[in-house]
Amino acid sequence: MEYKSRRKRARVIPFGYKRDNVDPDLLLPVPRELDLLEQAFKFLRTCSYEEVTRWLVEKSGRKLSMAGLWRFQAHVIVGAN
């Protein structure tokens, strides 16, 4: 899947993105993390947020809270960018 860059809108860099070295207001996608996030959303059908968050942190090596995963999923479900 192809992911697009996006403008930074908050202080915290969202999971699956990194700050661009040239333009600090631009976020570049991290395909591996975004692929893991897609898998995580599928796991949420049968696993708890706690289990999925733990798995995602272990696989990505990046911090993420259960609330952060919930907010990210809610954001994706409503189709907001």
N, C-alpha and C. Protein backbone atom coordinates (compact mmCIF):
# COMPACT_ATOMS: atom_id res chain seq x y z
N MET A 1 0.84 -1.18 0.00
CA MET A 1 0.00 0.00 0.00
C MET A 1 0.89 1.25 0.00
N GLU A 2 0.46 2.27 -0.70
CA GLU A 2 1.21 3.51 -0.76
C GLU A 2 0.63 4.50 0.24
N TYR A 3 1.50 5.09 1.03
CA TYR A 3 1.08 6.06 2.06
C TYR A 3 1.52 7.45 1.66
N LYS A 4 0.76 8.45 2.07
CA LYS A 4 1.06 9.84 1.71
C LYS A 4 1.61 10.60 2.91
N SER A 5 2.44 11.59 2.62
CA SER A 5 2.90 12.48 3.68
C SER A 5 1.74 13.39 4.06
N ARG A 6 1.87 14.02 5.23
CA ARG A 6 0.82 14.93 5.67
C ARG A 6 1.42 16.03 6.53
N ARG A 7 0.66 17.07 6.73
CA ARG A 7 1.11 18.20 7.53
C ARG A 7 1.00 17.87 9.02
N LYS A 8 1.96 18.36 9.77
CA LYS A 8 1.95 18.19 11.22
C LYS A 8 0.89 19.12 11.80
N ARG A 9 0.03 18.58 12.67
CA ARG A 9 -1.04 19.39 13.26
C ARG A 9 -0.97 19.46 14.77
N ALA A 10 -0.07 18.70 15.37
CA ALA A 10 0.03 18.69 16.83
C ALA A 10 1.49 18.53 17.23
N ARG A 11 1.74 18.66 18.51
CA ARG A 11 3.09 18.55 19.04
C ARG A 11 3.63 17.13 18.90
N VAL A 12 2.77 16.16 19.13
CA VAL A 12 3.18 14.75 19.11
C VAL A 12 3.15 14.22 17.68
N ILE A 13 4.20 13.52 17.30
CA ILE A 13 4.25 12.89 15.97
C ILE A 13 3.45 11.59 16.04
N PRO A 14 2.44 11.42 15.21
CA PRO A 14 1.61 10.22 15.29
C PRO A 14 2.37 8.95 14.90
N PHE A 15 1.92 7.84 15.47
CA PHE A 15 2.49 6.54 15.16
C PHE A 15 2.40 6.32 13.65
N GLY A 16 3.49 5.84 13.06
CA GLY A 16 3.49 5.57 11.63
C GLY A 16 4.05 6.71 10.79
N TYR A 17 4.46 7.79 11.46
CA TYR A 17 5.00 8.94 10.75
C TYR A 17 6.27 9.43 11.44
N LYS A 18 7.09 10.15 10.68
CA LYS A 18 8.29 10.79 11.23
C LYS A 18 8.41 12.18 10.62
N ARG A 19 9.08 13.04 11.35
CA ARG A 19 9.26 14.42 10.89
C ARG A 19 10.24 14.47 9.73
N ASP A 20 9.93 15.28 8.74
CA ASP A 20 10.81 15.48 7.59
C ASP A 20 11.99 16.35 8.04
N ASN A 21 13.20 16.00 7.61
CA ASN A 21 14.40 16.76 7.98
C ASN A 21 14.44 18.14 7.32
N VAL A 22 13.85 18.27 6.16
CA VAL A 22 13.88 19.54 5.43
C VAL A 22 12.76 20.47 5.89
N ASP A 23 11.55 19.95 6.00
CA ASP A 23 10.38 20.74 6.40
C ASP A 23 9.82 20.15 7.69
N PRO A 24 10.10 20.76 8.85
CA PRO A 24 9.66 20.19 10.13
C PRO A 24 8.14 20.14 10.30
N ASP A 25 7.39 20.83 9.45
CA ASP A 25 5.93 20.78 9.52
C ASP A 25 5.34 19.68 8.65
N LEU A 26 6.20 18.91 7.99
CA LEU A 26 5.75 17.82 7.13
C LEU A 26 6.07 16.48 7.80
N LEU A 27 5.10 15.59 7.80
CA LEU A 27 5.29 14.26 8.37
C LEU A 27 5.38 13.25 7.23
N LEU A 28 6.41 12.44 7.29
CA LEU A 28 6.62 11.41 6.27
C LEU A 28 6.14 10.06 6.79
N PRO A 29 5.49 9.27 5.97
CA PRO A 29 5.02 7.96 6.42
C PRO A 29 6.19 7.00 6.65
N VAL A 30 6.00 6.13 7.63
CA VAL A 30 6.93 5.03 7.90
C VAL A 30 6.17 3.76 7.53
N PRO A 31 6.34 3.27 6.30
CA PRO A 31 5.52 2.16 5.80
C PRO A 31 5.47 0.95 6.72
N ARG A 32 6.59 0.57 7.30
CA ARG A 32 6.60 -0.61 8.18
C ARG A 32 5.65 -0.41 9.37
N GLU A 33 5.70 0.76 9.99
CA GLU A 33 4.83 1.04 11.14
C GLU A 33 3.36 1.09 10.71
N LEU A 34 3.09 1.69 9.57
CA LEU A 34 1.70 1.78 9.11
C LEU A 34 1.16 0.40 8.72
N ASP A 35 2.00 -0.45 8.18
CA ASP A 35 1.59 -1.83 7.88
C ASP A 35 1.27 -2.58 9.18
N LEU A 36 2.12 -2.39 10.19
CA LEU A 36 1.87 -3.02 11.49
C LEU A 36 0.56 -2.50 12.09
N LEU A 37 0.30 -1.22 11.92
CA LEU A 37 -0.93 -0.64 12.44
C LEU A 37 -2.16 -1.25 11.77
N GLU A 38 -2.08 -1.48 10.48
CA GLU A 38 -3.18 -2.14 9.78
C GLU A 38 -3.42 -3.54 10.35
N GLN A 39 -2.33 -4.26 10.58
CA GLN A 39 -2.46 -5.60 11.19
C GLN A 39 -3.09 -5.49 12.57
N ALA A 40 -2.67 -4.49 13.33
CA ALA A 40 -3.18 -4.30 14.68
C ALA A 40 -4.69 -4.08 14.66
N PHE A 41 -5.18 -3.30 13.70
CA PHE A 41 -6.63 -3.08 13.61
C PHE A 41 -7.37 -4.39 13.37
N LYS A 42 -6.78 -5.28 12.61
CA LYS A 42 -7.40 -6.59 12.37
C LYS A 42 -7.40 -7.43 13.65
N PHE A 43 -6.29 -7.35 14.41
CA PHE A 43 -6.19 -8.10 15.68
C PHE A 43 -7.22 -7.61 16.69
N LEU A 44 -7.62 -6.35 16.60
CA LEU A 44 -8.58 -5.80 17.56
C LEU A 44 -9.95 -6.48 17.46
N ARG A 45 -10.19 -7.18 16.38
CA ARG A 45 -11.47 -7.91 16.25
C ARG A 45 -11.56 -9.05 17.26
N THR A 46 -10.41 -9.60 17.65
CA THR A 46 -10.40 -10.76 18.54
C THR A 46 -9.57 -10.58 19.80
N CYS A 47 -8.81 -9.49 19.89
CA CYS A 47 -7.92 -9.27 21.04
C CYS A 47 -8.25 -7.94 21.71
N SER A 48 -7.79 -7.77 22.93
CA SER A 48 -8.03 -6.53 23.67
C SER A 48 -7.06 -5.43 23.21
N TYR A 49 -7.42 -4.19 23.54
CA TYR A 49 -6.52 -3.07 23.22
C TYR A 49 -5.18 -3.25 23.92
N GLU A 50 -5.21 -3.76 25.13
CA GLU A 50 -3.97 -3.97 25.88
C GLU A 50 -3.05 -4.97 25.16
N GLU A 51 -3.61 -6.09 24.73
CA GLU A 51 -2.81 -7.10 24.01
C GLU A 51 -2.26 -6.56 22.70
N VAL A 52 -3.11 -5.88 21.96
CA VAL A 52 -2.70 -5.36 20.65
C VAL A 52 -1.65 -4.26 20.80
N THR A 53 -1.84 -3.38 21.79
CA THR A 53 -0.86 -2.32 22.03
C THR A 53 0.49 -2.91 22.41
N ARG A 54 0.48 -3.90 23.27
CA ARG A 54 1.73 -4.56 23.68
C ARG A 54 2.42 -5.18 22.47
N TRP A 55 1.66 -5.85 21.61
CA TRP A 55 2.21 -6.47 20.41
C TRP A 55 2.80 -5.41 19.48
N LEU A 56 2.07 -4.33 19.30
CA LEU A 56 2.50 -3.27 18.39
C LEU A 56 3.79 -2.60 18.88
N VAL A 57 3.88 -2.34 20.16
CA VAL A 57 5.08 -1.73 20.74
C VAL A 57 6.26 -2.68 20.59
N GLU A 58 6.03 -3.97 20.83
CA GLU A 58 7.09 -4.96 20.70
C GLU A 58 7.60 -5.07 19.26
N LYS A 59 6.69 -5.09 18.31
CA LYS A 59 7.07 -5.25 16.90
C LYS A 59 7.70 -3.99 16.31
N SER A 60 7.22 -2.82 16.74
CA SER A 60 7.69 -1.57 16.13
C SER A 60 8.87 -0.94 16.88
N GLY A 61 8.94 -1.22 18.17
CA GLY A 61 9.97 -0.58 18.97
C GLY A 61 9.65 0.87 19.29
N ARG A 62 8.42 1.27 19.05
CA ARG A 62 7.99 2.66 19.28
C ARG A 62 6.91 2.69 20.35
N LYS A 63 6.93 3.70 21.21
CA LYS A 63 5.95 3.83 22.28
C LYS A 63 4.56 4.12 21.73
N LEU A 64 3.57 3.53 22.38
CA LEU A 64 2.18 3.79 22.05
C LEU A 64 1.33 3.33 23.22
N SER A 65 0.36 4.14 23.62
CA SER A 65 -0.53 3.76 24.72
C SER A 65 -1.80 3.13 24.16
N MET A 66 -2.53 2.47 25.05
CA MET A 66 -3.82 1.90 24.62
C MET A 66 -4.75 3.01 24.16
N ALA A 67 -4.74 4.13 24.88
CA ALA A 67 -5.59 5.27 24.51
C ALA A 67 -5.17 5.81 23.15
N GLY A 68 -3.87 5.84 22.91
CA GLY A 68 -3.37 6.31 21.62
C GLY A 68 -3.83 5.42 20.48
N LEU A 69 -3.80 4.10 20.70
CA LEU A 69 -4.27 3.16 19.68
C LEU A 69 -5.77 3.34 19.45
N TRP A 70 -6.52 3.52 20.53
CA TRP A 70 -7.96 3.72 20.41
C TRP A 70 -8.26 4.99 19.61
N ARG A 71 -7.56 6.10 19.95
CA ARG A 71 -7.78 7.37 19.23
C ARG A 71 -7.41 7.23 17.76
N PHE A 72 -6.31 6.53 17.49
CA PHE A 72 -5.87 6.36 16.10
C PHE A 72 -6.92 5.56 15.33
N GLN A 73 -7.45 4.49 15.94
CA GLN A 73 -8.46 3.68 15.27
C GLN A 73 -9.74 4.50 15.06
N ALA A 74 -10.15 5.26 16.04
CA ALA A 74 -11.36 6.09 15.91
C ALA A 74 -11.16 7.11 14.79
N HIS A 75 -9.97 7.66 14.70
CA HIS A 75 -9.63 8.63 13.66
C HIS A 75 -9.72 8.00 12.27
N VAL A 76 -9.23 6.79 12.14
CA VAL A 76 -9.25 6.09 10.86
C VAL A 76 -10.67 5.69 10.49
N ILE A 77 -11.45 5.23 11.46
CA ILE A 77 -12.81 4.76 11.18
C ILE A 77 -13.70 5.90 10.67
N VAL A 78 -13.57 7.09 11.24
CA VAL A 78 -14.41 8.19 10.79
C VAL A 78 -13.89 8.81 9.50
N GLY A 79 -12.70 8.39 9.08
CA GLY A 79 -12.17 8.85 7.79
C GLY A 79 -11.51 10.20 7.84
N ALA A 80 -11.20 10.69 9.04
CA ALA A 80 -10.52 11.98 9.15
C ALA A 80 -9.07 11.84 8.77
N ASN A 81 -8.48 12.90 8.28
CA ASN A 81 -7.05 12.89 7.92
C ASN A 81 -6.30 13.83 8.80
